[in-house]
Amino acid sequence: MLSEQEEQQEFTDKTRLRELEAKYHSLDSRRQPLIEEMRRLSSEQKALYDRRQAPQEEVEQLYAEHGELGHTLAATRRALEAARRHAEAALVGLRELRTTFPPADRLRPAQLKREIAELELRQQTSALKIDEENALIAHLRLRSKELKEAEARTAVVAEHERLRKEAEGRVTACRGEVDRLVAEFNQARRDRDAKMEAIRAKLVDAGSVVAELRAKGKARAGVMDQIDRLSAEMAAVDREAHTIMAESRARRDEARRTVRAYTRAGQRPTQDLLSATAEAQLEQLLKRGKITLGG
């Protein structure tokens, strides 16, 4: 049995419980769309993360290829420097070889014969002064003597010619190697630059995906804040409701203990008292309407 004041408090608590229940459902109805929004954003974040993986792997592969091209460039540069040194050495050797040949050795018989024929033709067809004619005759005799010596030293001249051709061949081969390495170096450098451009393009793509990821993360964090605030309000409502229900149970338990103590004392409530109490409680319920405790 509750006192009048306790009955009034019970009525107030039940009214408050109904208000708290309505507020709880209202907060929950606001929270559910936010939970769905958070799940959608999480799913989009995962999809973006999966999209980012492929460009990232491609960038790593391009970086590896770029590094290999860098090693190739370094090796080609070293080979090119060595080839240039060899070409310079071959050219210097050719020049030194030419300086070791006497002038007569460098003149071939065919060249001397042509020069002698030109001198004879000039002597026969030109009217020269005595001094000029004498100088021409002396030069002609000198060339004729050189021709005899050159013809006599054909083997020496042939050896000199062989050495000269070999030296020129070395120079030509070294220059060809230099040209080949220069072309290879330039191609490797173009390939490396192309790899860097591809890396930049992939990084731009990856950067756009990362920017989207950050935007989604920021939006998700905002939604989470709203969910947390609503959850905190719902928890506060739930705590208040449980407090009210605990106080109500305590009052009813206290009333039961009072009835039991009264009964043990030998003062059992009469049937009239019980009927009157039941009638009063029924009347109160009819006045207040149906009451449902929100859990």
C-alpha atoms as a PDB file:
ATOM      1  CA  MET A   1       0.000   0.000   0.000  1.00  0.00           C
ATOM      2  CA  LEU A   2       1.330   3.422  -0.971  1.00  0.00           C
ATOM      3  CA  SER A   3       0.596   6.661   0.712  1.00  0.00           C
ATOM      4  CA  GLU A   4      -1.102   9.496  -1.045  1.00  0.00           C
ATOM      5  CA  GLN A   5       2.189  11.309  -1.538  1.00  0.00           C
ATOM      6  CA  GLU A   6       3.797   8.163  -2.908  1.00  0.00           C
ATOM      7  CA  GLU A   7       0.851   7.599  -5.241  1.00  0.00           C
ATOM      8  CA  GLN A   8       1.303  11.144  -6.525  1.00  0.00           C
ATOM      9  CA  GLN A   9       5.010  10.529  -7.005  1.00  0.00           C
ATOM     10  CA  GLU A  10       4.209   7.309  -8.871  1.00  0.00           C
ATOM     11  CA  PHE A  11       1.937   9.205 -11.193  1.00  0.00           C
ATOM     12  CA  THR A  12       4.604  11.872 -11.787  1.00  0.00           C
ATOM     13  CA  ASP A  13       7.253   9.218 -12.434  1.00  0.00           C
ATOM     14  CA  LYS A  14       5.071   7.344 -14.915  1.00  0.00           C
ATOM     15  CA  THR A  15       4.356  10.559 -16.768  1.00  0.00           C
ATOM     16  CA  ARG A  16       8.076  11.298 -16.876  1.00  0.00           C
ATOM     17  CA  LEU A  17       8.820   7.756 -18.065  1.00  0.00           C
ATOM     18  CA  ARG A  18       6.399   8.189 -20.955  1.00  0.00           C
ATOM     19  CA  GLU A  19       8.124  11.455 -21.860  1.00  0.00           C
ATOM     20  CA  LEU A  20      11.539   9.801 -21.661  1.00  0.00           C
ATOM     21  CA  GLU A  21      10.368   6.896 -23.800  1.00  0.00           C
ATOM     22  CA  ALA A  22       9.055   9.271 -26.453  1.00  0.00           C
ATOM     23  CA  LYS A  23      12.302  11.240 -26.356  1.00  0.00           C
ATOM     24  CA  TYR A  24      14.363   8.049 -26.613  1.00  0.00           C
ATOM     25  CA  HIS A  25      12.446   6.892 -29.698  1.00  0.00           C
ATOM     26  CA  SER A  26      12.770  10.357 -31.225  1.00  0.00           C
ATOM     27  CA  LEU A  27      16.527  10.366 -30.699  1.00  0.00           C
ATOM     28  CA  ASP A  28      16.803   6.842 -32.052  1.00  0.00           C
ATOM     29  CA  SER A  29      14.822   7.758 -35.170  1.00  0.00           C
ATOM     30  CA  ARG A  30      17.283  10.620 -35.743  1.00  0.00           C
ATOM     31  CA  ARG A  31      20.292   8.399 -35.111  1.00  0.00           C
ATOM     32  CA  GLN A  32      19.390   5.557 -37.487  1.00  0.00           C
ATOM     33  CA  PRO A  33      19.755   7.613 -40.719  1.00  0.00           C
ATOM     34  CA  LEU A  34      23.093   8.846 -39.428  1.00  0.00           C
ATOM     35  CA  ILE A  35      24.229   5.253 -38.844  1.00  0.00           C
ATOM     36  CA  GLU A  36      23.214   4.385 -42.402  1.00  0.00           C
ATOM     37  CA  GLU A  37      25.109   7.444 -43.668  1.00  0.00           C
ATOM     38  CA  MET A  38      28.198   6.402 -41.709  1.00  0.00           C
ATOM     39  CA  ARG A  39      28.024   2.895 -43.180  1.00  0.00           C
ATOM     40  CA  ARG A  40      27.732   4.352 -46.687  1.00  0.00           C
ATOM     41  CA  LEU A  41      30.737   6.619 -46.137  1.00  0.00           C
ATOM     42  CA  SER A  42      32.745   3.715 -44.721  1.00  0.00           C
ATOM     43  CA  SER A  43      31.922   1.624 -47.773  1.00  0.00           C
ATOM     44  CA  GLU A  44      32.966   4.457 -50.092  1.00  0.00           C
ATOM     45  CA  GLN A  45      36.181   4.896 -48.111  1.00  0.00           C
ATOM     46  CA  LYS A  46      37.006   1.217 -48.557  1.00  0.00           C
ATOM     47  CA  ALA A  47      36.309   1.424 -52.287  1.00  0.00           C
ATOM     48  CA  LEU A  48      38.588   4.462 -52.575  1.00  0.00           C
ATOM     49  CA  TYR A  49      41.291   2.676 -50.612  1.00  0.00           C
ATOM     50  CA  ASP A  50      41.063  -0.288 -52.989  1.00  0.00           C
ATOM     51  CA  ARG A  51      41.286   2.135 -55.924  1.00  0.00           C
ATOM     52  CA  ARG A  52      44.390   3.708 -54.432  1.00  0.00           C
ATOM     53  CA  GLN A  53      46.223   0.387 -54.156  1.00  0.00           C
ATOM     54  CA  ALA A  54      46.548  -0.189 -57.917  1.00  0.00           C
ATOM     55  CA  PRO A  55      48.101   3.239 -58.756  1.00  0.00           C
ATOM     56  CA  GLN A  56      50.365   2.909 -55.741  1.00  0.00           C
ATOM     57  CA  GLU A  57      51.659  -0.458 -56.956  1.00  0.00           C
ATOM     58  CA  GLU A  58      52.131   0.992 -60.450  1.00  0.00           C
ATOM     59  CA  VAL A  59      54.065   3.940 -58.999  1.00  0.00           C
ATOM     60  CA  GLU A  60      56.320   1.564 -57.073  1.00  0.00           C
ATOM     61  CA  GLN A  61      56.937  -0.442 -60.261  1.00  0.00           C
ATOM     62  CA  LEU A  62      57.692   2.747 -62.204  1.00  0.00           C
ATOM     63  CA  TYR A  63      60.057   3.886 -59.457  1.00  0.00           C
ATOM     64  CA  ALA A  64      61.914   0.570 -59.707  1.00  0.00           C
ATOM     65  CA  GLU A  65      62.166   0.906 -63.505  1.00  0.00           C
ATOM     66  CA  HIS A  66      63.273   4.536 -63.121  1.00  0.00           C
ATOM     67  CA  GLY A  67      66.015   3.423 -60.742  1.00  0.00           C
ATOM     68  CA  GLU A  68      67.174   0.710 -63.156  1.00  0.00           C
ATOM     69  CA  LEU A  69      67.352   3.290 -65.950  1.00  0.00           C
ATOM     70  CA  GLY A  70      69.401   5.502 -63.643  1.00  0.00           C
ATOM     71  CA  HIS A  71      71.877   2.642 -63.148  1.00  0.00           C
ATOM     72  CA  THR A  72      71.919   2.062 -66.907  1.00  0.00           C
ATOM     73  CA  LEU A  73      72.633   5.756 -67.513  1.00  0.00           C
ATOM     74  CA  ALA A  74      75.499   5.719 -65.039  1.00  0.00           C
ATOM     75  CA  ALA A  75      77.028   2.611 -66.633  1.00  0.00           C
ATOM     76  CA  THR A  76      76.580   4.067 -70.137  1.00  0.00           C
ATOM     77  CA  ARG A  77      78.153   7.349 -69.039  1.00  0.00           C
ATOM     78  CA  ARG A  78      81.201   5.497 -67.718  1.00  0.00           C
ATOM     79  CA  ALA A  79      81.467   3.468 -70.933  1.00  0.00           C
ATOM     80  CA  LEU A  80      81.081   6.651 -73.006  1.00  0.00           C
ATOM     81  CA  GLU A  81      83.855   8.414 -71.111  1.00  0.00           C
ATOM     82  CA  ALA A  82      86.117   5.386 -71.613  1.00  0.00           C
ATOM     83  CA  ALA A  83      85.257   5.259 -75.345  1.00  0.00           C
ATOM     84  CA  ARG A  84      86.053   8.951 -75.716  1.00  0.00           C
ATOM     85  CA  ARG A  85      89.406   8.417 -74.045  1.00  0.00           C
ATOM     86  CA  HIS A  86      90.114   5.525 -76.421  1.00  0.00           C
ATOM     87  CA  ALA A  87      89.092   7.671 -79.421  1.00  0.00           C
ATOM     88  CA  GLU A  88      91.343  10.493 -78.311  1.00  0.00           C
ATOM     89  CA  ALA A  89      94.196   8.047 -77.773  1.00  0.00           C
ATOM     90  CA  ALA A  90      93.650   6.531 -81.247  1.00  0.00           C
ATOM     91  CA  LEU A  91      93.600   9.971 -82.863  1.00  0.00           C
ATOM     92  CA  VAL A  92      96.761  10.986 -81.051  1.00  0.00           C
ATOM     93  CA  GLY A  93      98.374   7.718 -82.162  1.00  0.00           C
ATOM     94  CA  LEU A  94      97.441   8.400 -85.790  1.00  0.00           C
ATOM     95  CA  ARG A  95      98.899  11.897 -85.655  1.00  0.00           C
ATOM     96  CA  GLU A  96     102.089  10.644 -84.051  1.00  0.00           C
ATOM     97  CA  LEU A  97     102.374   7.888 -86.680  1.00  0.00           C
ATOM     98  CA  ARG A  98     102.076  10.399 -89.503  1.00  0.00           C
ATOM     99  CA  THR A  99     104.850  12.529 -88.039  1.00  0.00           C
ATOM    100  CA  THR A 100     107.210   9.523 -87.929  1.00  0.00           C
ATOM    101  CA  PHE A 101     107.030   9.010 -91.724  1.00  0.00           C
ATOM    102  CA  PRO A 102     109.632  10.930 -93.757  1.00  0.00           C
ATOM    103  CA  PRO A 103     108.105  13.204 -96.406  1.00  0.00           C
ATOM    104  CA  ALA A 104     109.398  11.003 -99.191  1.00  0.00           C
ATOM    105  CA  ASP A 105     107.847   7.987 -97.556  1.00  0.00           C
ATOM    106  CA  ARG A 106     104.525   9.712 -97.423  1.00  0.00           C
ATOM    107  CA  LEU A 107     104.567  10.403-101.172  1.00  0.00           C
ATOM    108  CA  ARG A 108     103.395   7.478-103.206  1.00  0.00           C
ATOM    109  CA  PRO A 109     104.847   6.696-106.688  1.00  0.00           C
ATOM    110  CA  ALA A 110     101.558   7.413-108.444  1.00  0.00           C
ATOM    111  CA  GLN A 111     101.393  10.839-106.823  1.00  0.00           C
ATOM    112  CA  LEU A 112     104.987  11.573-107.801  1.00  0.00           C
ATOM    113  CA  LYS A 113     104.351  10.482-111.381  1.00  0.00           C
ATOM    114  CA  ARG A 114     101.391  12.828-111.663  1.00  0.00           C
ATOM    115  CA  GLU A 115     103.398  15.711-110.259  1.00  0.00           C
ATOM    116  CA  ILE A 116     106.302  15.005-112.668  1.00  0.00           C
ATOM    117  CA  ALA A 117     103.915  14.883-115.636  1.00  0.00           C
ATOM    118  CA  GLU A 118     102.450  18.235-114.596  1.00  0.00           C
ATOM    119  CA  LEU A 119     105.925  19.742-114.324  1.00  0.00           C
ATOM    120  CA  GLU A 120     106.967  18.425-117.745  1.00  0.00           C
ATOM    121  CA  LEU A 121     103.762  19.741-119.321  1.00  0.00           C
ATOM    122  CA  ARG A 122     104.387  23.153-117.767  1.00  0.00           C
ATOM    123  CA  GLN A 123     107.973  23.149-119.075  1.00  0.00           C
ATOM    124  CA  GLN A 124     106.846  22.322-122.572  1.00  0.00           C
ATOM    125  CA  THR A 125     103.881  24.664-122.829  1.00  0.00           C
ATOM    126  CA  SER A 126     104.956  27.705-120.851  1.00  0.00           C
ATOM    127  CA  ALA A 127     107.459  30.415-121.772  1.00  0.00           C
ATOM    128  CA  LEU A 128     109.416  30.918-118.598  1.00  0.00           C
ATOM    129  CA  LYS A 129     112.279  33.107-117.671  1.00  0.00           C
ATOM    130  CA  ILE A 130     115.693  31.521-117.334  1.00  0.00           C
ATOM    131  CA  ASP A 131     115.569  31.558-113.520  1.00  0.00           C
ATOM    132  CA  GLU A 132     112.067  30.116-113.381  1.00  0.00           C
ATOM    133  CA  GLU A 133     112.890  27.465-115.959  1.00  0.00           C
ATOM    134  CA  ASN A 134     116.032  26.481-114.047  1.00  0.00           C
ATOM    135  CA  ALA A 135     114.016  26.229-110.784  1.00  0.00           C
ATOM    136  CA  LEU A 136     111.385  24.144-112.582  1.00  0.00           C
ATOM    137  CA  ILE A 137     114.055  21.811-113.980  1.00  0.00           C
ATOM    138  CA  ALA A 138     115.633  21.456-110.518  1.00  0.00           C
ATOM    139  CA  HIS A 139     112.259  20.635-108.968  1.00  0.00           C
ATOM    140  CA  LEU A 140     111.574  18.144-111.772  1.00  0.00           C
ATOM    141  CA  ARG A 141     114.924  16.426-111.175  1.00  0.00           C
ATOM    142  CA  LEU A 142     114.187  16.305-107.419  1.00  0.00           C
ATOM    143  CA  ARG A 143     110.813  14.685-107.990  1.00  0.00           C
ATOM    144  CA  SER A 144     112.315  12.233-110.438  1.00  0.00           C
ATOM    145  CA  LYS A 145     114.927  11.273-107.864  1.00  0.00           C
ATOM    146  CA  GLU A 146     112.213  10.882-105.201  1.00  0.00           C
ATOM    147  CA  LEU A 147     110.205   8.713-107.585  1.00  0.00           C
ATOM    148  CA  LYS A 148     113.190   6.394-108.056  1.00  0.00           C
ATOM    149  CA  GLU A 149     113.686   6.219-104.294  1.00  0.00           C
ATOM    150  CA  ALA A 150     109.974   5.651-103.693  1.00  0.00           C
ATOM    151  CA  GLU A 151     109.871   2.878-106.281  1.00  0.00           C
ATOM    152  CA  ALA A 152     112.959   1.376-104.703  1.00  0.00           C
ATOM    153  CA  ARG A 153     111.376   1.538-101.263  1.00  0.00           C
ATOM    154  CA  THR A 154     107.960   0.184-102.182  1.00  0.00           C
ATOM    155  CA  ALA A 155     107.923  -2.290 -99.287  1.00  0.00           C
ATOM    156  CA  VAL A 156     108.666   0.448 -96.763  1.00  0.00           C
ATOM    157  CA  VAL A 157     105.960   2.675 -98.193  1.00  0.00           C
ATOM    158  CA  ALA A 158     103.498  -0.227 -98.205  1.00  0.00           C
ATOM    159  CA  GLU A 159     104.210  -0.921 -94.533  1.00  0.00           C
ATOM    160  CA  HIS A 160     103.726   2.742 -93.715  1.00  0.00           C
ATOM    161  CA  GLU A 161     100.446   2.690 -95.612  1.00  0.00           C
ATOM    162  CA  ARG A 162      99.287  -0.410 -93.718  1.00  0.00           C
ATOM    163  CA  LEU A 163     100.082   1.185 -90.373  1.00  0.00           C
ATOM    164  CA  ARG A 164      98.311   4.364 -91.406  1.00  0.00           C
ATOM    165  CA  LYS A 165      95.177   2.483 -92.456  1.00  0.00           C
ATOM    166  CA  GLU A 166      95.148   0.498 -89.243  1.00  0.00           C
ATOM    167  CA  ALA A 167      95.469   3.677 -87.193  1.00  0.00           C
ATOM    168  CA  GLU A 168      92.706   5.348 -89.183  1.00  0.00           C
ATOM    169  CA  GLY A 169      90.562   2.233 -88.733  1.00  0.00           C
ATOM    170  CA  ARG A 170      91.045   2.388 -84.969  1.00  0.00           C
ATOM    171  CA  VAL A 171      90.062   6.048 -84.973  1.00  0.00           C
ATOM    172  CA  THR A 172      86.960   5.264 -87.057  1.00  0.00           C
ATOM    173  CA  ALA A 173      85.982   2.349 -84.805  1.00  0.00           C
ATOM    174  CA  CYS A 174      86.450   4.410 -81.640  1.00  0.00           C
ATOM    175  CA  ARG A 175      84.367   7.246 -83.072  1.00  0.00           C
ATOM    176  CA  GLY A 176      81.660   4.758 -84.063  1.00  0.00           C
ATOM    177  CA  GLU A 177      81.639   3.357 -80.529  1.00  0.00           C
ATOM    178  CA  VAL A 178      81.372   6.875 -79.127  1.00  0.00           C
ATOM    179  CA  ASP A 179      78.465   7.655 -81.458  1.00  0.00           C
ATOM    180  CA  ARG A 180      76.735   4.400 -80.485  1.00  0.00           C
ATOM    181  CA  LEU A 181      77.120   5.079 -76.763  1.00  0.00           C
ATOM    182  CA  VAL A 182      75.950   8.676 -77.169  1.00  0.00           C
ATOM    183  CA  ALA A 183      72.778   7.451 -78.906  1.00  0.00           C
ATOM    184  CA  GLU A 184      72.265   4.774 -76.234  1.00  0.00           C
ATOM    185  CA  PHE A 185      72.815   7.317 -73.458  1.00  0.00           C
ATOM    186  CA  ASN A 186      70.342   9.793 -74.977  1.00  0.00           C
ATOM    187  CA  GLN A 187      67.729   7.041 -75.441  1.00  0.00           C
ATOM    188  CA  ALA A 188      68.134   5.865 -71.849  1.00  0.00           C
ATOM    189  CA  ARG A 189      67.782   9.436 -70.637  1.00  0.00           C
ATOM    190  CA  ARG A 190      64.594   9.909 -72.681  1.00  0.00           C
ATOM    191  CA  ASP A 191      63.225   6.641 -71.293  1.00  0.00           C
ATOM    192  CA  ARG A 192      64.050   7.724 -67.735  1.00  0.00           C
ATOM    193  CA  ASP A 193      62.375  11.111 -68.253  1.00  0.00           C
ATOM    194  CA  ALA A 194      59.308   9.341 -69.660  1.00  0.00           C
ATOM    195  CA  LYS A 195      59.185   7.123 -66.560  1.00  0.00           C
ATOM    196  CA  MET A 196      59.331  10.211 -64.351  1.00  0.00           C
ATOM    197  CA  GLU A 197      56.453  11.804 -66.271  1.00  0.00           C
ATOM    198  CA  ALA A 198      54.448   8.597 -65.847  1.00  0.00           C
ATOM    199  CA  ILE A 199      55.248   8.613 -62.125  1.00  0.00           C
ATOM    200  CA  ARG A 200      54.055  12.212 -61.829  1.00  0.00           C
ATOM    201  CA  ALA A 201      50.799  11.345 -63.629  1.00  0.00           C
ATOM    202  CA  LYS A 202      50.206   8.342 -61.369  1.00  0.00           C
ATOM    203  CA  LEU A 203      50.969  10.425 -58.290  1.00  0.00           C
ATOM    204  CA  VAL A 204      48.436  13.024 -59.414  1.00  0.00           C
ATOM    205  CA  ASP A 205      45.818  10.261 -59.763  1.00  0.00           C
ATOM    206  CA  ALA A 206      46.753   8.811 -56.384  1.00  0.00           C
ATOM    207  CA  GLY A 207      46.657  12.288 -54.868  1.00  0.00           C
ATOM    208  CA  SER A 208      43.113  12.853 -56.107  1.00  0.00           C
ATOM    209  CA  VAL A 209      42.063   9.531 -54.565  1.00  0.00           C
ATOM    210  CA  VAL A 210      43.763  10.491 -51.283  1.00  0.00           C
ATOM    211  CA  ALA A 211      41.960  13.844 -51.351  1.00  0.00           C
ATOM    212  CA  GLU A 212      38.650  12.019 -51.798  1.00  0.00           C
ATOM    213  CA  LEU A 213      39.595   9.675 -48.956  1.00  0.00           C
ATOM    214  CA  ARG A 214      40.292  12.625 -46.680  1.00  0.00           C
ATOM    215  CA  ALA A 215      37.004  14.288 -47.646  1.00  0.00           C
ATOM    216  CA  LYS A 216      35.105  11.066 -46.941  1.00  0.00           C
ATOM    217  CA  GLY A 217      36.960  10.660 -43.650  1.00  0.00           C
ATOM    218  CA  LYS A 218      36.116  14.205 -42.637  1.00  0.00           C
ATOM    219  CA  ALA A 219      32.434  13.687 -43.512  1.00  0.00           C
ATOM    220  CA  ARG A 220      32.430  10.362 -41.638  1.00  0.00           C
ATOM    221  CA  ALA A 221      33.984  12.016 -38.599  1.00  0.00           C
ATOM    222  CA  GLY A 222      31.239  14.669 -38.660  1.00  0.00           C
ATOM    223  CA  VAL A 223      28.547  11.997 -38.842  1.00  0.00           C
ATOM    224  CA  MET A 224      30.225  10.082 -36.023  1.00  0.00           C
ATOM    225  CA  ASP A 225      30.194  13.208 -33.860  1.00  0.00           C
ATOM    226  CA  GLN A 226      26.455  13.568 -34.423  1.00  0.00           C
ATOM    227  CA  ILE A 227      25.905   9.877 -33.648  1.00  0.00           C
ATOM    228  CA  ASP A 228      27.993  10.186 -30.487  1.00  0.00           C
ATOM    229  CA  ARG A 229      26.018  13.218 -29.323  1.00  0.00           C
ATOM    230  CA  LEU A 230      22.692  11.477 -29.940  1.00  0.00           C
ATOM    231  CA  SER A 231      23.979   8.306 -28.283  1.00  0.00           C
ATOM    232  CA  ALA A 232      25.074  10.335 -25.281  1.00  0.00           C
ATOM    233  CA  GLU A 233      21.604  11.916 -25.045  1.00  0.00           C
ATOM    234  CA  MET A 234      19.975   8.487 -25.361  1.00  0.00           C
ATOM    235  CA  ALA A 235      22.252   7.104 -22.659  1.00  0.00           C
ATOM    236  CA  ALA A 236      21.315  10.026 -20.391  1.00  0.00           C
ATOM    237  CA  VAL A 237      17.606   9.390 -21.046  1.00  0.00           C
ATOM    238  CA  ASP A 238      18.103   5.691 -20.349  1.00  0.00           C
ATOM    239  CA  ARG A 239      19.936   6.411 -17.100  1.00  0.00           C
ATOM    240  CA  GLU A 240      17.213   8.788 -15.943  1.00  0.00           C
ATOM    241  CA  ALA A 241      14.514   6.219 -16.784  1.00  0.00           C
ATOM    242  CA  HIS A 242      16.334   3.477 -14.903  1.00  0.00           C
ATOM    243  CA  THR A 243      16.785   5.808 -11.927  1.00  0.00           C
ATOM    244  CA  ILE A 244      13.054   6.577 -11.859  1.00  0.00           C
ATOM    245  CA  MET A 245      12.176   2.888 -12.185  1.00  0.00           C
ATOM    246  CA  ALA A 246      14.635   1.973  -9.417  1.00  0.00           C
ATOM    247  CA  GLU A 247      13.088   4.576  -7.110  1.00  0.00           C
ATOM    248  CA  SER A 248       9.611   3.247  -7.956  1.00  0.00           C
ATOM    249  CA  ARG A 249      10.684  -0.321  -7.180  1.00  0.00           C
ATOM    250  CA  ALA A 250      12.231   0.863  -3.914  1.00  0.00           C
ATOM    251  CA  ARG A 251       8.971   2.528  -2.854  1.00  0.00           C
ATOM    252  CA  ARG A 252       6.957  -0.579  -3.725  1.00  0.00           C
ATOM    253  CA  ASP A 253       9.429  -2.838  -1.932  1.00  0.00           C
ATOM    254  CA  GLU A 254       9.203  -0.613   1.127  1.00  0.00           C
ATOM    255  CA  ALA A 255       5.388  -0.823   0.981  1.00  0.00           C
ATOM    256  CA  ARG A 256       5.544  -4.633   0.769  1.00  0.00           C
ATOM    257  CA  ARG A 257       7.878  -4.821   3.752  1.00  0.00           C
ATOM    258  CA  THR A 258       5.487  -2.608   5.735  1.00  0.00           C
ATOM    259  CA  VAL A 259       2.541  -4.895   4.900  1.00  0.00           C
ATOM    260  CA  ARG A 260       4.530  -7.993   5.863  1.00  0.00           C
ATOM    261  CA  ALA A 261       5.633  -6.412   9.155  1.00  0.00           C
ATOM    262  CA  TYR A 262       2.049  -5.454   9.896  1.00  0.00           C
ATOM    263  CA  THR A 263       0.907  -8.984   9.123  1.00  0.00           C
ATOM    264  CA  ARG A 264       3.555 -10.624  11.329  1.00  0.00           C
ATOM    265  CA  ALA A 265       2.459  -8.400  14.207  1.00  0.00           C
ATOM    266  CA  GLY A 266      -0.914 -10.221  14.087  1.00  0.00           C
ATOM    267  CA  GLN A 267      -2.762  -7.348  12.662  1.00  0.00           C
ATOM    268  CA  ARG A 268      -3.848  -8.844   9.342  1.00  0.00           C
ATOM    269  CA  PRO A 269      -5.718  -6.379   7.211  1.00  0.00           C
ATOM    270  CA  THR A 270      -9.423  -7.047   7.225  1.00  0.00           C
ATOM    271  CA  GLN A 271     -11.301  -7.974   4.091  1.00  0.00           C
ATOM    272  CA  ASP A 272     -13.018  -4.615   4.152  1.00  0.00           C
ATOM    273  CA  LEU A 273      -9.671  -2.809   4.276  1.00  0.00           C
ATOM    274  CA  LEU A 274      -8.329  -4.845   1.357  1.00  0.00           C
ATOM    275  CA  SER A 275     -11.490  -4.284  -0.670  1.00  0.00           C
ATOM    276  CA  ALA A 276     -11.429  -0.578   0.034  1.00  0.00           C
ATOM    277  CA  THR A 277      -7.780  -0.390  -1.021  1.00  0.00           C
ATOM    278  CA  ALA A 278      -8.455  -2.284  -4.242  1.00  0.00           C
ATOM    279  CA  GLU A 279     -11.449  -0.078  -4.980  1.00  0.00           C
ATOM    280  CA  ALA A 280      -9.352   3.059  -4.452  1.00  0.00           C
ATOM    281  CA  GLN A 281      -6.553   1.821  -6.684  1.00  0.00           C
ATOM    282  CA  LEU A 282      -9.001   0.832  -9.412  1.00  0.00           C
ATOM    283  CA  GLU A 283     -10.644   4.246  -9.233  1.00  0.00           C
ATOM    284  CA  GLN A 284      -7.266   5.928  -9.527  1.00  0.00           C
ATOM    285  CA  LEU A 285      -6.370   3.786 -12.568  1.00  0.00           C
ATOM    286  CA  LEU A 286      -9.646   4.570 -14.265  1.00  0.00           C
ATOM    287  CA  LYS A 287      -9.090   8.269 -13.711  1.00  0.00           C
ATOM    288  CA  ARG A 288      -5.526   8.269 -15.044  1.00  0.00           C
ATOM    289  CA  GLY A 289      -6.044   5.954 -17.971  1.00  0.00           C
ATOM    290  CA  LYS A 290      -3.871   3.041 -19.060  1.00  0.00           C
ATOM    291  CA  ILE A 291      -0.280   3.411 -17.816  1.00  0.00           C
ATOM    292  CA  THR A 292       2.663   1.609 -19.478  1.00  0.00           C
ATOM    293  CA  LEU A 293       6.150   1.848 -18.059  1.00  0.00           C
ATOM    294  CA  GLY A 294       8.739   2.489 -20.764  1.00  0.00           C
ATOM    295  CA  GLY A 295      11.687   0.163 -20.520  1.00  0.00           C
END
